[in-house]
Amino acid sequence: MQKFLIIQTAFIGDVVLATGIVEKVHQAYPHAHIDFLLRKGNEGLLANHPYLNEVLIWEKKKNKWSNLFKMLKKIRANKYDKVINLQRFASTGFLTAFSNAEEKIGFDKNPFSFLFSKKIKHSMLEGRHEVERNHDLVKDFTDNAFAKPKLYPTENDFVSMQAYTSQPYICIAPSSVWFTKQYPAEKWTSLINAIPVAYKIFLLGGKEDVALCETIRLSSANKNTEVLSGKLSFLQSAALMKNAVMNYVNDSAPLHFASAMNAPVTAIFCSTIPGFGFGPLSDTSFITETKVPLSCKPCTLHGRRECPLGHFKCALTIETEQLLNSIPALHE
């Protein structure tokens, strides 16, 4: 039996996108033993995943380096045939290079790639999706077919969401780790005020997003709005998004939740652009950006903590009507 380890210890959205690799490896080796290494805090994304044997959890925030060596010991003991590293950072490169796997696969930008069995070119300049770039790591022993990322909420996750789905509803995930990726609170309020009260509106996010969501709710005149931020697990949020009339998101993790659930989504790109390779993959998807030509957009790949020019026009010039256009029923 083939044994694979897939490594992605970055942010939530990165783990979601990495599930496309799980799909491909499982399709090519349906009886293989597949493990996945991620950072502590993200393991809920892969709970009860039908194709994974074990989820390995690296505690990065406390005793990072001692835990790294403990993880290396575990990886070496598992005797993997292939270790597939989706990251371009030294810590996971170290794990890959010294894994004792028969084949060590990763991107050429990883500092330890000179010790890999196979290193694959990684480029952000070709306009390809990140999932496609990830697929390059495994295409020589799988195939060239595209496999979407996929999350697997349980039946209980869907059942627990039924309490919220008695009327048509819209989900909004207003937050982002980066300020310049985040549509401003007052603009979210404007959108919510423009949505008919026939639609229930749920504000989603983590515990750290509760204050923002409450600010938006309280500033809105639409009283059919409820904050679920901090109340749902990753997979419960994904289950709720699945059957929404529309999901409004930033260029952030909830966008990839929608892709992994094939849920309808409107993705707002403020300082970044879809051309970086992180756009929506859902069958029903819309991309919204400013219509104003801006020489400063994009200003960086991952977003900034503030607009470097102070005007934040890439977000503030996006109009509410642009967002409403992705719900045809509102214009009938």
C-alpha atoms as a PDB file:
ATOM      1  CA  MET A   1       0.000   0.000   0.000  1.00  0.00           C
ATOM      2  CA  GLN A   2       1.309   3.431  -1.006  1.00  0.00           C
ATOM      3  CA  LYS A   3       1.745   5.942   1.839  1.00  0.00           C
ATOM      4  CA  PHE A   4       1.513   9.660   1.147  1.00  0.00           C
ATOM      5  CA  LEU A   5       1.992  12.724   3.334  1.00  0.00           C
ATOM      6  CA  ILE A   6       0.655  16.090   2.166  1.00  0.00           C
ATOM      7  CA  ILE A   7       2.081  19.138   3.962  1.00  0.00           C
ATOM      8  CA  GLN A   8       0.323  22.511   4.222  1.00  0.00           C
ATOM      9  CA  THR A   9       0.806  24.316   7.553  1.00  0.00           C
ATOM     10  CA  ALA A  10      -0.126  27.834   6.388  1.00  0.00           C
ATOM     11  CA  PHE A  11      -3.468  29.613   6.754  1.00  0.00           C
ATOM     12  CA  ILE A  12      -6.998  28.216   6.676  1.00  0.00           C
ATOM     13  CA  GLY A  13      -7.577  29.032   3.009  1.00  0.00           C
ATOM     14  CA  ASP A  14      -4.314  27.387   1.995  1.00  0.00           C
ATOM     15  CA  VAL A  15      -5.388  24.143   3.665  1.00  0.00           C
ATOM     16  CA  VAL A  16      -8.734  24.245   1.869  1.00  0.00           C
ATOM     17  CA  LEU A  17      -7.037  24.711  -1.505  1.00  0.00           C
ATOM     18  CA  ALA A  18      -4.650  21.851  -0.679  1.00  0.00           C
ATOM     19  CA  THR A  19      -7.579  19.442  -0.480  1.00  0.00           C
ATOM     20  CA  GLY A  20      -7.528  19.368  -4.276  1.00  0.00           C
ATOM     21  CA  ILE A  21      -4.310  17.340  -3.935  1.00  0.00           C
ATOM     22  CA  VAL A  22      -6.087  14.898  -1.623  1.00  0.00           C
ATOM     23  CA  GLU A  23      -8.772  14.410  -4.263  1.00  0.00           C
ATOM     24  CA  LYS A  24      -6.217  13.739  -6.993  1.00  0.00           C
ATOM     25  CA  VAL A  25      -4.103  11.312  -4.985  1.00  0.00           C
ATOM     26  CA  HIS A  26      -7.188   9.413  -3.865  1.00  0.00           C
ATOM     27  CA  GLN A  27      -8.485   9.185  -7.430  1.00  0.00           C
ATOM     28  CA  ALA A  28      -5.162   7.768  -8.636  1.00  0.00           C
ATOM     29  CA  TYR A  29      -4.578   5.532  -5.590  1.00  0.00           C
ATOM     30  CA  PRO A  30      -8.014   4.744  -4.085  1.00  0.00           C
ATOM     31  CA  HIS A  31      -6.555   2.334  -1.523  1.00  0.00           C
ATOM     32  CA  ALA A  32      -3.590   4.496  -0.518  1.00  0.00           C
ATOM     33  CA  HIS A  33      -2.816   5.602   3.013  1.00  0.00           C
ATOM     34  CA  ILE A  34      -2.975   9.445   2.875  1.00  0.00           C
ATOM     35  CA  ASP A  35      -1.962  11.664   5.800  1.00  0.00           C
ATOM     36  CA  PHE A  36      -2.113  15.459   6.002  1.00  0.00           C
ATOM     37  CA  LEU A  37       0.100  17.748   8.092  1.00  0.00           C
ATOM     38  CA  LEU A  38      -1.286  21.147   9.137  1.00  0.00           C
ATOM     39  CA  ARG A  39      -0.863  23.706  11.900  1.00  0.00           C
ATOM     40  CA  LYS A  40      -2.749  23.459  15.180  1.00  0.00           C
ATOM     41  CA  GLY A  41      -6.070  25.266  14.933  1.00  0.00           C
ATOM     42  CA  ASN A  42      -6.835  24.188  11.379  1.00  0.00           C
ATOM     43  CA  GLU A  43      -7.517  20.510  12.040  1.00  0.00           C
ATOM     44  CA  GLY A  44     -11.292  21.048  12.158  1.00  0.00           C
ATOM     45  CA  LEU A  45     -11.245  21.609   8.404  1.00  0.00           C
ATOM     46  CA  LEU A  46     -10.393  17.960   7.798  1.00  0.00           C
ATOM     47  CA  ALA A  47     -12.443  16.325  10.557  1.00  0.00           C
ATOM     48  CA  ASN A  48     -13.921  13.017   9.379  1.00  0.00           C
ATOM     49  CA  HIS A  49     -12.411  13.459   5.907  1.00  0.00           C
ATOM     50  CA  PRO A  50     -13.235  10.217   4.065  1.00  0.00           C
ATOM     51  CA  TYR A  51      -9.925   9.969   2.194  1.00  0.00           C
ATOM     52  CA  LEU A  52      -7.505  10.762   5.011  1.00  0.00           C
ATOM     53  CA  ASN A  53      -5.967   8.198   7.324  1.00  0.00           C
ATOM     54  CA  GLU A  54      -4.535  10.682   9.829  1.00  0.00           C
ATOM     55  CA  VAL A  55      -4.266  14.437  10.292  1.00  0.00           C
ATOM     56  CA  LEU A  56      -0.907  15.378  11.820  1.00  0.00           C
ATOM     57  CA  ILE A  57      -0.953  18.592  13.856  1.00  0.00           C
ATOM     58  CA  TRP A  58       2.090  20.804  14.313  1.00  0.00           C
ATOM     59  CA  GLU A  59       1.896  23.246  17.223  1.00  0.00           C
ATOM     60  CA  LYS A  60       3.672  26.309  15.814  1.00  0.00           C
ATOM     61  CA  LYS A  61       2.783  28.946  18.394  1.00  0.00           C
ATOM     62  CA  LYS A  62       4.357  27.283  21.443  1.00  0.00           C
ATOM     63  CA  ASN A  63       7.705  25.494  21.440  1.00  0.00           C
ATOM     64  CA  LYS A  64       7.741  25.745  17.669  1.00  0.00           C
ATOM     65  CA  TRP A  65      11.164  24.242  17.042  1.00  0.00           C
ATOM     66  CA  SER A  66      11.034  21.433  19.576  1.00  0.00           C
ATOM     67  CA  ASN A  67       7.630  20.485  18.179  1.00  0.00           C
ATOM     68  CA  LEU A  68       9.095  20.594  14.678  1.00  0.00           C
ATOM     69  CA  PHE A  69      11.712  18.001  15.614  1.00  0.00           C
ATOM     70  CA  LYS A  70       9.064  15.858  17.304  1.00  0.00           C
ATOM     71  CA  MET A  71       7.031  16.010  14.108  1.00  0.00           C
ATOM     72  CA  LEU A  72      10.062  15.018  12.045  1.00  0.00           C
ATOM     73  CA  LYS A  73      10.542  11.971  14.252  1.00  0.00           C
ATOM     74  CA  LYS A  74       6.925  10.964  13.696  1.00  0.00           C
ATOM     75  CA  ILE A  75       7.155  11.505   9.946  1.00  0.00           C
ATOM     76  CA  ARG A  76      10.295   9.379   9.686  1.00  0.00           C
ATOM     77  CA  ALA A  77       8.651   6.620  11.743  1.00  0.00           C
ATOM     78  CA  ASN A  78       5.667   6.553   9.363  1.00  0.00           C
ATOM     79  CA  LYS A  79       7.918   5.628   6.412  1.00  0.00           C
ATOM     80  CA  TYR A  80       6.096   7.465   3.653  1.00  0.00           C
ATOM     81  CA  ASP A  81       6.566   6.603   0.006  1.00  0.00           C
ATOM     82  CA  LYS A  82       5.967  10.204  -1.040  1.00  0.00           C
ATOM     83  CA  VAL A  83       5.995  13.457   0.915  1.00  0.00           C
ATOM     84  CA  ILE A  84       4.311  16.277  -1.008  1.00  0.00           C
ATOM     85  CA  ASN A  85       5.080  19.743   0.362  1.00  0.00           C
ATOM     86  CA  LEU A  86       2.854  22.565  -0.904  1.00  0.00           C
ATOM     87  CA  GLN A  87       4.706  25.284   0.998  1.00  0.00           C
ATOM     88  CA  ARG A  88       7.707  27.390   0.151  1.00  0.00           C
ATOM     89  CA  PHE A  89       9.056  27.947   3.669  1.00  0.00           C
ATOM     90  CA  ALA A  90      12.108  26.487   5.380  1.00  0.00           C
ATOM     91  CA  SER A  91      10.373  24.706   8.275  1.00  0.00           C
ATOM     92  CA  THR A  92       8.264  22.421   6.082  1.00  0.00           C
ATOM     93  CA  GLY A  93      11.137  22.118   3.638  1.00  0.00           C
ATOM     94  CA  PHE A  94      13.220  20.770   6.503  1.00  0.00           C
ATOM     95  CA  LEU A  95      10.527  18.193   7.326  1.00  0.00           C
ATOM     96  CA  THR A  96      10.357  17.151   3.690  1.00  0.00           C
ATOM     97  CA  ALA A  97      14.101  16.992   3.081  1.00  0.00           C
ATOM     98  CA  PHE A  98      14.778  14.826   6.143  1.00  0.00           C
ATOM     99  CA  SER A  99      11.576  12.779   6.062  1.00  0.00           C
ATOM    100  CA  ASN A 100      13.341   9.638   4.811  1.00  0.00           C
ATOM    101  CA  ALA A 101      10.541   9.304   2.254  1.00  0.00           C
ATOM    102  CA  GLU A 102      11.351   7.476  -0.955  1.00  0.00           C
ATOM    103  CA  GLU A 103      10.292  10.582  -2.880  1.00  0.00           C
ATOM    104  CA  LYS A 104      10.345  14.155  -1.568  1.00  0.00           C
ATOM    105  CA  ILE A 105       8.375  16.596  -3.708  1.00  0.00           C
ATOM    106  CA  GLY A 106       8.047  20.371  -3.384  1.00  0.00           C
ATOM    107  CA  PHE A 107       8.367  23.739  -5.075  1.00  0.00           C
ATOM    108  CA  ASP A 108      11.689  25.122  -6.243  1.00  0.00           C
ATOM    109  CA  LYS A 109      11.261  28.259  -4.096  1.00  0.00           C
ATOM    110  CA  ASN A 110      11.570  26.249  -0.888  1.00  0.00           C
ATOM    111  CA  PRO A 111      15.002  26.864   0.722  1.00  0.00           C
ATOM    112  CA  PHE A 112      15.452  23.093   1.165  1.00  0.00           C
ATOM    113  CA  SER A 113      14.414  22.194  -2.387  1.00  0.00           C
ATOM    114  CA  PHE A 114      18.007  21.277  -3.260  1.00  0.00           C
ATOM    115  CA  LEU A 115      17.496  18.205  -1.067  1.00  0.00           C
ATOM    116  CA  PHE A 116      14.156  17.210  -2.634  1.00  0.00           C
ATOM    117  CA  SER A 117      13.882  14.281  -5.036  1.00  0.00           C
ATOM    118  CA  LYS A 118      11.740  16.452  -7.274  1.00  0.00           C
ATOM    119  CA  LYS A 119      11.337  20.219  -7.290  1.00  0.00           C
ATOM    120  CA  ILE A 120       8.625  21.906  -9.326  1.00  0.00           C
ATOM    121  CA  LYS A 121       8.732  25.453 -10.644  1.00  0.00           C
ATOM    122  CA  HIS A 122       6.330  27.801  -8.875  1.00  0.00           C
ATOM    123  CA  SER A 123       5.314  31.016 -10.621  1.00  0.00           C
ATOM    124  CA  MET A 124       2.632  33.590  -9.824  1.00  0.00           C
ATOM    125  CA  LEU A 125       3.045  35.247 -13.226  1.00  0.00           C
ATOM    126  CA  GLU A 126       1.240  32.737 -15.426  1.00  0.00           C
ATOM    127  CA  GLY A 127      -2.324  33.537 -14.342  1.00  0.00           C
ATOM    128  CA  ARG A 128      -2.981  29.973 -13.195  1.00  0.00           C
ATOM    129  CA  HIS A 129      -5.021  29.103 -10.143  1.00  0.00           C
ATOM    130  CA  GLU A 130      -3.172  28.054  -6.991  1.00  0.00           C
ATOM    131  CA  VAL A 131      -4.940  24.682  -7.186  1.00  0.00           C
ATOM    132  CA  GLU A 132      -3.422  24.156 -10.641  1.00  0.00           C
ATOM    133  CA  ARG A 133       0.019  25.085  -9.341  1.00  0.00           C
ATOM    134  CA  ASN A 134      -0.446  22.541  -6.549  1.00  0.00           C
ATOM    135  CA  HIS A 135      -1.491  19.895  -9.056  1.00  0.00           C
ATOM    136  CA  ASP A 136       1.893  20.272 -10.767  1.00  0.00           C
ATOM    137  CA  LEU A 137       3.426  18.514  -7.772  1.00  0.00           C
ATOM    138  CA  VAL A 138       1.545  15.286  -8.434  1.00  0.00           C
ATOM    139  CA  LYS A 139       0.648  15.279 -12.126  1.00  0.00           C
ATOM    140  CA  ASP A 140       3.414  12.875 -13.156  1.00  0.00           C
ATOM    141  CA  PHE A 141       1.953  10.088 -11.003  1.00  0.00           C
ATOM    142  CA  THR A 142      -1.750  11.058 -11.234  1.00  0.00           C
ATOM    143  CA  ASP A 143      -3.037  12.817 -14.371  1.00  0.00           C
ATOM    144  CA  ASN A 144      -3.562  16.275 -15.856  1.00  0.00           C
ATOM    145  CA  ALA A 145      -7.245  16.541 -14.901  1.00  0.00           C
ATOM    146  CA  PHE A 146      -8.299  19.411 -12.664  1.00  0.00           C
ATOM    147  CA  ALA A 147      -9.638  18.432  -9.236  1.00  0.00           C
ATOM    148  CA  LYS A 148     -11.444  21.062  -7.187  1.00  0.00           C
ATOM    149  CA  PRO A 149     -10.740  21.420  -3.481  1.00  0.00           C
ATOM    150  CA  LYS A 150     -13.439  19.791  -1.382  1.00  0.00           C
ATOM    151  CA  LEU A 151     -14.591  19.884   2.231  1.00  0.00           C
ATOM    152  CA  TYR A 152     -16.711  17.183   3.834  1.00  0.00           C
ATOM    153  CA  PRO A 153     -19.177  18.430   6.459  1.00  0.00           C
ATOM    154  CA  THR A 154     -20.932  15.529   8.166  1.00  0.00           C
ATOM    155  CA  GLU A 155     -24.654  14.863   8.078  1.00  0.00           C
ATOM    156  CA  ASN A 156     -24.795  16.268  11.613  1.00  0.00           C
ATOM    157  CA  ASP A 157     -23.187  19.490  10.384  1.00  0.00           C
ATOM    158  CA  PHE A 158     -25.942  19.928   7.800  1.00  0.00           C
ATOM    159  CA  VAL A 159     -28.676  18.940  10.267  1.00  0.00           C
ATOM    160  CA  SER A 160     -27.408  21.466  12.818  1.00  0.00           C
ATOM    161  CA  MET A 161     -27.734  24.214  10.183  1.00  0.00           C
ATOM    162  CA  GLN A 162     -31.404  23.461   9.469  1.00  0.00           C
ATOM    163  CA  ALA A 163     -32.419  25.780  12.292  1.00  0.00           C
ATOM    164  CA  TYR A 164     -31.126  28.685  10.199  1.00  0.00           C
ATOM    165  CA  THR A 165     -32.528  27.748   6.808  1.00  0.00           C
ATOM    166  CA  SER A 166     -36.305  28.164   7.101  1.00  0.00           C
ATOM    167  CA  GLN A 167     -36.225  31.073   4.633  1.00  0.00           C
ATOM    168  CA  PRO A 168     -33.940  32.066   1.759  1.00  0.00           C
ATOM    169  CA  TYR A 169     -30.684  33.356   3.179  1.00  0.00           C
ATOM    170  CA  ILE A 170     -27.459  35.123   2.274  1.00  0.00           C
ATOM    171  CA  CYS A 171     -24.115  34.652   4.003  1.00  0.00           C
ATOM    172  CA  ILE A 172     -21.584  37.438   4.395  1.00  0.00           C
ATOM    173  CA  ALA A 173     -18.045  36.849   5.664  1.00  0.00           C
ATOM    174  CA  PRO A 174     -16.865  40.444   6.171  1.00  0.00           C
ATOM    175  CA  SER A 175     -13.412  39.935   7.666  1.00  0.00           C
ATOM    176  CA  SER A 176      -9.900  39.265   6.398  1.00  0.00           C
ATOM    177  CA  VAL A 177      -6.517  38.902   8.060  1.00  0.00           C
ATOM    178  CA  TRP A 178      -5.305  41.799   5.889  1.00  0.00           C
ATOM    179  CA  PHE A 179      -6.895  45.258   6.007  1.00  0.00           C
ATOM    180  CA  THR A 180      -6.487  45.952   2.285  1.00  0.00           C
ATOM    181  CA  LYS A 181      -8.255  42.701   1.388  1.00  0.00           C
ATOM    182  CA  GLN A 182     -11.245  43.559   3.573  1.00  0.00           C
ATOM    183  CA  TYR A 183     -14.256  45.353   2.156  1.00  0.00           C
ATOM    184  CA  PRO A 184     -14.947  48.196   4.630  1.00  0.00           C
ATOM    185  CA  ALA A 185     -17.595  47.785   7.328  1.00  0.00           C
ATOM    186  CA  GLU A 186     -19.626  50.751   6.103  1.00  0.00           C
ATOM    187  CA  LYS A 187     -19.747  49.246   2.613  1.00  0.00           C
ATOM    188  CA  TRP A 188     -21.002  45.938   4.022  1.00  0.00           C
ATOM    189  CA  THR A 189     -23.674  47.909   5.870  1.00  0.00           C
ATOM    190  CA  SER A 190     -24.723  49.552   2.615  1.00  0.00           C
ATOM    191  CA  LEU A 191     -25.059  46.148   0.965  1.00  0.00           C
ATOM    192  CA  ILE A 192     -27.116  44.717   3.829  1.00  0.00           C
ATOM    193  CA  ASN A 193     -29.447  47.723   3.771  1.00  0.00           C
ATOM    194  CA  ALA A 194     -30.066  47.139   0.060  1.00  0.00           C
ATOM    195  CA  ILE A 195     -31.029  43.465   0.463  1.00  0.00           C
ATOM    196  CA  PRO A 196     -34.783  42.881   0.880  1.00  0.00           C
ATOM    197  CA  VAL A 197     -35.891  41.661   4.317  1.00  0.00           C
ATOM    198  CA  ALA A 198     -37.298  38.533   2.644  1.00  0.00           C
ATOM    199  CA  TYR A 199     -33.717  37.256   2.826  1.00  0.00           C
ATOM    200  CA  LYS A 200     -32.179  36.297   6.140  1.00  0.00           C
ATOM    201  CA  ILE A 201     -28.582  37.522   6.398  1.00  0.00           C
ATOM    202  CA  PHE A 202     -25.939  35.663   8.373  1.00  0.00           C
ATOM    203  CA  LEU A 203     -22.592  37.232   9.254  1.00  0.00           C
ATOM    204  CA  LEU A 204     -19.885  34.564   9.431  1.00  0.00           C
ATOM    205  CA  GLY A 205     -16.351  34.405  10.769  1.00  0.00           C
ATOM    206  CA  GLY A 206     -14.269  33.298  13.709  1.00  0.00           C
ATOM    207  CA  LYS A 207     -14.351  34.443  17.319  1.00  0.00           C
ATOM    208  CA  GLU A 208     -11.903  37.203  16.423  1.00  0.00           C
ATOM    209  CA  ASP A 209     -14.464  38.599  13.950  1.00  0.00           C
ATOM    210  CA  VAL A 210     -17.414  38.943  16.347  1.00  0.00           C
ATOM    211  CA  ALA A 211     -16.811  42.629  17.114  1.00  0.00           C
ATOM    212  CA  LEU A 212     -16.675  43.550  13.421  1.00  0.00           C
ATOM    213  CA  CYS A 213     -19.820  41.545  12.665  1.00  0.00           C
ATOM    214  CA  GLU A 214     -21.697  43.123  15.560  1.00  0.00           C
ATOM    215  CA  THR A 215     -20.634  46.593  14.419  1.00  0.00           C
ATOM    216  CA  ILE A 216     -22.006  45.880  10.961  1.00  0.00           C
ATOM    217  CA  ARG A 217     -25.254  44.421  12.326  1.00  0.00           C
ATOM    218  CA  LEU A 218     -25.881  47.313  14.687  1.00  0.00           C
ATOM    219  CA  SER A 219     -25.179  49.936  12.038  1.00  0.00           C
ATOM    220  CA  SER A 220     -27.572  48.322   9.566  1.00  0.00           C
ATOM    221  CA  ALA A 221     -31.244  49.181   9.208  1.00  0.00           C
ATOM    222  CA  ASN A 222     -31.964  45.595   8.085  1.00  0.00           C
ATOM    223  CA  LYS A 223     -33.161  43.806  11.213  1.00  0.00           C
ATOM    224  CA  ASN A 224     -33.217  40.389   9.543  1.00  0.00           C
ATOM    225  CA  THR A 225     -29.483  40.060  10.144  1.00  0.00           C
ATOM    226  CA  GLU A 226     -27.875  37.628  12.588  1.00  0.00           C
ATOM    227  CA  VAL A 227     -24.279  37.238  13.724  1.00  0.00           C
ATOM    228  CA  LEU A 228     -23.080  33.629  13.637  1.00  0.00           C
ATOM    229  CA  SER A 229     -19.422  34.587  13.787  1.00  0.00           C
ATOM    230  CA  GLY A 230     -17.648  32.555  16.466  1.00  0.00           C
ATOM    231  CA  LYS A 231     -20.601  30.198  16.903  1.00  0.00           C
ATOM    232  CA  LEU A 232     -19.995  27.700  14.094  1.00  0.00           C
ATOM    233  CA  SER A 233     -17.205  25.251  13.340  1.00  0.00           C
ATOM    234  CA  PHE A 234     -15.373  25.447  10.014  1.00  0.00           C
ATOM    235  CA  LEU A 235     -17.456  22.622   8.582  1.00  0.00           C
ATOM    236  CA  GLN A 236     -20.751  23.992   9.925  1.00  0.00           C
ATOM    237  CA  SER A 237     -19.975  27.290   8.213  1.00  0.00           C
ATOM    238  CA  ALA A 238     -19.216  25.417   4.991  1.00  0.00           C
ATOM    239  CA  ALA A 239     -22.495  23.480   5.296  1.00  0.00           C
ATOM    240  CA  LEU A 240     -24.455  26.711   5.773  1.00  0.00           C
ATOM    241  CA  MET A 241     -22.756  28.371   2.799  1.00  0.00           C
ATOM    242  CA  LYS A 242     -23.602  25.407   0.561  1.00  0.00           C
ATOM    243  CA  ASN A 243     -27.303  26.243   0.302  1.00  0.00           C
ATOM    244  CA  ALA A 244     -27.187  30.021   0.535  1.00  0.00           C
ATOM    245  CA  VAL A 245     -28.761  32.127  -2.204  1.00  0.00           C
ATOM    246  CA  MET A 246     -25.391  33.904  -2.304  1.00  0.00           C
ATOM    247  CA  ASN A 247     -22.202  34.099  -0.262  1.00  0.00           C
ATOM    248  CA  TYR A 248     -20.387  37.434  -0.185  1.00  0.00           C
ATOM    249  CA  VAL A 249     -16.701  37.135   0.713  1.00  0.00           C
ATOM    250  CA  ASN A 250     -13.360  38.906   0.523  1.00  0.00           C
ATOM    251  CA  ASP A 251     -10.241  37.462  -1.080  1.00  0.00           C
ATOM    252  CA  SER A 252      -9.823  35.253   1.993  1.00  0.00           C
ATOM    253  CA  ALA A 253     -10.563  31.813   3.452  1.00  0.00           C
ATOM    254  CA  PRO A 254     -14.400  31.890   3.148  1.00  0.00           C
ATOM    255  CA  LEU A 255     -13.948  32.314  -0.601  1.00  0.00           C
ATOM    256  CA  HIS A 256     -12.204  28.932  -0.659  1.00  0.00           C
ATOM    257  CA  PHE A 257     -14.890  27.419   1.596  1.00  0.00           C
ATOM    258  CA  ALA A 258     -17.386  28.342  -1.120  1.00  0.00           C
ATOM    259  CA  SER A 259     -15.195  26.795  -3.819  1.00  0.00           C
ATOM    260  CA  ALA A 260     -14.799  23.602  -1.784  1.00  0.00           C
ATOM    261  CA  MET A 261     -18.586  23.330  -1.353  1.00  0.00           C
ATOM    262  CA  ASN A 262     -19.415  24.479  -4.905  1.00  0.00           C
ATOM    263  CA  ALA A 263     -21.528  27.153  -3.221  1.00  0.00           C
ATOM    264  CA  PRO A 264     -22.646  30.326  -5.039  1.00  0.00           C
ATOM    265  CA  VAL A 265     -20.203  33.099  -4.282  1.00  0.00           C
ATOM    266  CA  THR A 266     -19.432  36.731  -4.993  1.00  0.00           C
ATOM    267  CA  ALA A 267     -15.762  37.421  -4.320  1.00  0.00           C
ATOM    268  CA  ILE A 268     -14.691  41.000  -3.654  1.00  0.00           C
ATOM    269  CA  PHE A 269     -11.115  41.830  -4.627  1.00  0.00           C
ATOM    270  CA  CYS A 270      -9.949  45.105  -3.128  1.00  0.00           C
ATOM    271  CA  SER A 271      -6.145  45.514  -3.247  1.00  0.00           C
ATOM    272  CA  THR A 272      -5.461  42.106  -4.813  1.00  0.00           C
ATOM    273  CA  ILE A 273      -6.525  40.615  -8.157  1.00  0.00           C
ATOM    274  CA  PRO A 274      -7.895  37.216  -9.247  1.00  0.00           C
ATOM    275  CA  GLY A 275      -4.902  36.879 -11.563  1.00  0.00           C
ATOM    276  CA  PHE A 276      -2.760  35.900  -8.580  1.00  0.00           C
ATOM    277  CA  GLY A 277      -4.555  32.554  -8.683  1.00  0.00           C
ATOM    278  CA  PHE A 278      -6.946  32.640  -5.739  1.00  0.00           C
ATOM    279  CA  GLY A 279     -10.259  33.309  -7.466  1.00  0.00           C
ATOM    280  CA  PRO A 280     -13.521  31.391  -6.999  1.00  0.00           C
ATOM    281  CA  LEU A 281     -14.009  27.902  -8.437  1.00  0.00           C
ATOM    282  CA  SER A 282     -17.742  27.455  -7.823  1.00  0.00           C
ATOM    283  CA  ASP A 283     -20.010  26.829 -10.800  1.00  0.00           C
ATOM    284  CA  THR A 284     -21.937  29.973  -9.827  1.00  0.00           C
ATOM    285  CA  SER A 285     -19.371  32.617  -9.045  1.00  0.00           C
ATOM    286  CA  PHE A 286     -18.858  36.324  -9.538  1.00  0.00           C
ATOM    287  CA  ILE A 287     -15.826  38.551  -9.132  1.00  0.00           C
ATOM    288  CA  THR A 288     -16.332  42.157  -8.083  1.00  0.00           C
ATOM    289  CA  GLU A 289     -13.639  44.830  -8.327  1.00  0.00           C
ATOM    290  CA  THR A 290     -13.553  48.588  -8.635  1.00  0.00           C
ATOM    291  CA  LYS A 291     -14.370  49.962 -12.079  1.00  0.00           C
ATOM    292  CA  VAL A 292     -12.004  52.870 -11.476  1.00  0.00           C
ATOM    293  CA  PRO A 293      -8.596  52.468 -13.173  1.00  0.00           C
ATOM    294  CA  LEU A 294      -6.001  52.454 -10.410  1.00  0.00           C
ATOM    295  CA  SER A 295      -2.272  52.315 -11.128  1.00  0.00           C
ATOM    296  CA  CYS A 296      -1.686  51.193  -7.523  1.00  0.00           C
ATOM    297  CA  LYS A 297      -3.809  48.006  -7.819  1.00  0.00           C
ATOM    298  CA  PRO A 298      -2.603  45.401  -7.064  1.00  0.00           C
ATOM    299  CA  CYS A 299      -0.322  46.842  -4.413  1.00  0.00           C
ATOM    300  CA  THR A 300       0.918  43.489  -3.094  1.00  0.00           C
ATOM    301  CA  LEU A 301       0.280  39.774  -3.313  1.00  0.00           C
ATOM    302  CA  HIS A 302      -1.137  39.080   0.145  1.00  0.00           C
ATOM    303  CA  GLY A 303      -2.585  42.415   1.225  1.00  0.00           C
ATOM    304  CA  ARG A 304      -1.343  45.084   3.639  1.00  0.00           C
ATOM    305  CA  ARG A 305      -2.259  46.295   7.110  1.00  0.00           C
ATOM    306  CA  GLU A 306      -3.146  49.696   5.669  1.00  0.00           C
ATOM    307  CA  CYS A 307      -3.471  51.363   2.288  1.00  0.00           C
ATOM    308  CA  PRO A 308       0.046  52.617   1.463  1.00  0.00           C
ATOM    309  CA  LEU A 309      -1.415  55.680  -0.273  1.00  0.00           C
ATOM    310  CA  GLY A 310      -4.028  56.377   2.384  1.00  0.00           C
ATOM    311  CA  HIS A 311      -7.090  56.510   0.099  1.00  0.00           C
ATOM    312  CA  PHE A 312      -8.119  52.819  -0.144  1.00  0.00           C
ATOM    313  CA  LYS A 313      -9.904  53.550  -3.429  1.00  0.00           C
ATOM    314  CA  CYS A 314      -9.661  49.908  -4.534  1.00  0.00           C
ATOM    315  CA  ALA A 315     -12.352  49.136  -1.931  1.00  0.00           C
ATOM    316  CA  LEU A 316     -14.228  52.395  -1.429  1.00  0.00           C
ATOM    317  CA  THR A 317     -15.050  52.802  -5.140  1.00  0.00           C
ATOM    318  CA  ILE A 318     -16.788  49.410  -5.399  1.00  0.00           C
ATOM    319  CA  GLU A 319     -20.510  50.142  -5.613  1.00  0.00           C
ATOM    320  CA  THR A 320     -23.273  48.261  -3.814  1.00  0.00           C
ATOM    321  CA  GLU A 321     -25.130  47.783  -7.101  1.00  0.00           C
ATOM    322  CA  GLN A 322     -22.195  45.759  -8.444  1.00  0.00           C
ATOM    323  CA  LEU A 323     -22.669  43.280  -5.612  1.00  0.00           C
ATOM    324  CA  LEU A 324     -26.440  43.116  -5.967  1.00  0.00           C
ATOM    325  CA  ASN A 325     -26.055  42.204  -9.636  1.00  0.00           C
ATOM    326  CA  SER A 326     -25.004  38.687  -8.655  1.00  0.00           C
ATOM    327  CA  ILE A 327     -28.527  37.971  -7.344  1.00  0.00           C
ATOM    328  CA  PRO A 328     -30.752  38.093 -10.447  1.00  0.00           C
ATOM    329  CA  ALA A 329     -33.940  37.684  -8.350  1.00  0.00           C
ATOM    330  CA  LEU A 330     -33.369  41.141  -6.871  1.00  0.00           C
ATOM    331  CA  HIS A 331     -33.780  42.676 -10.341  1.00  0.00           C
ATOM    332  CA  GLU A 332     -36.857  40.783 -11.500  1.00  0.00           C
END
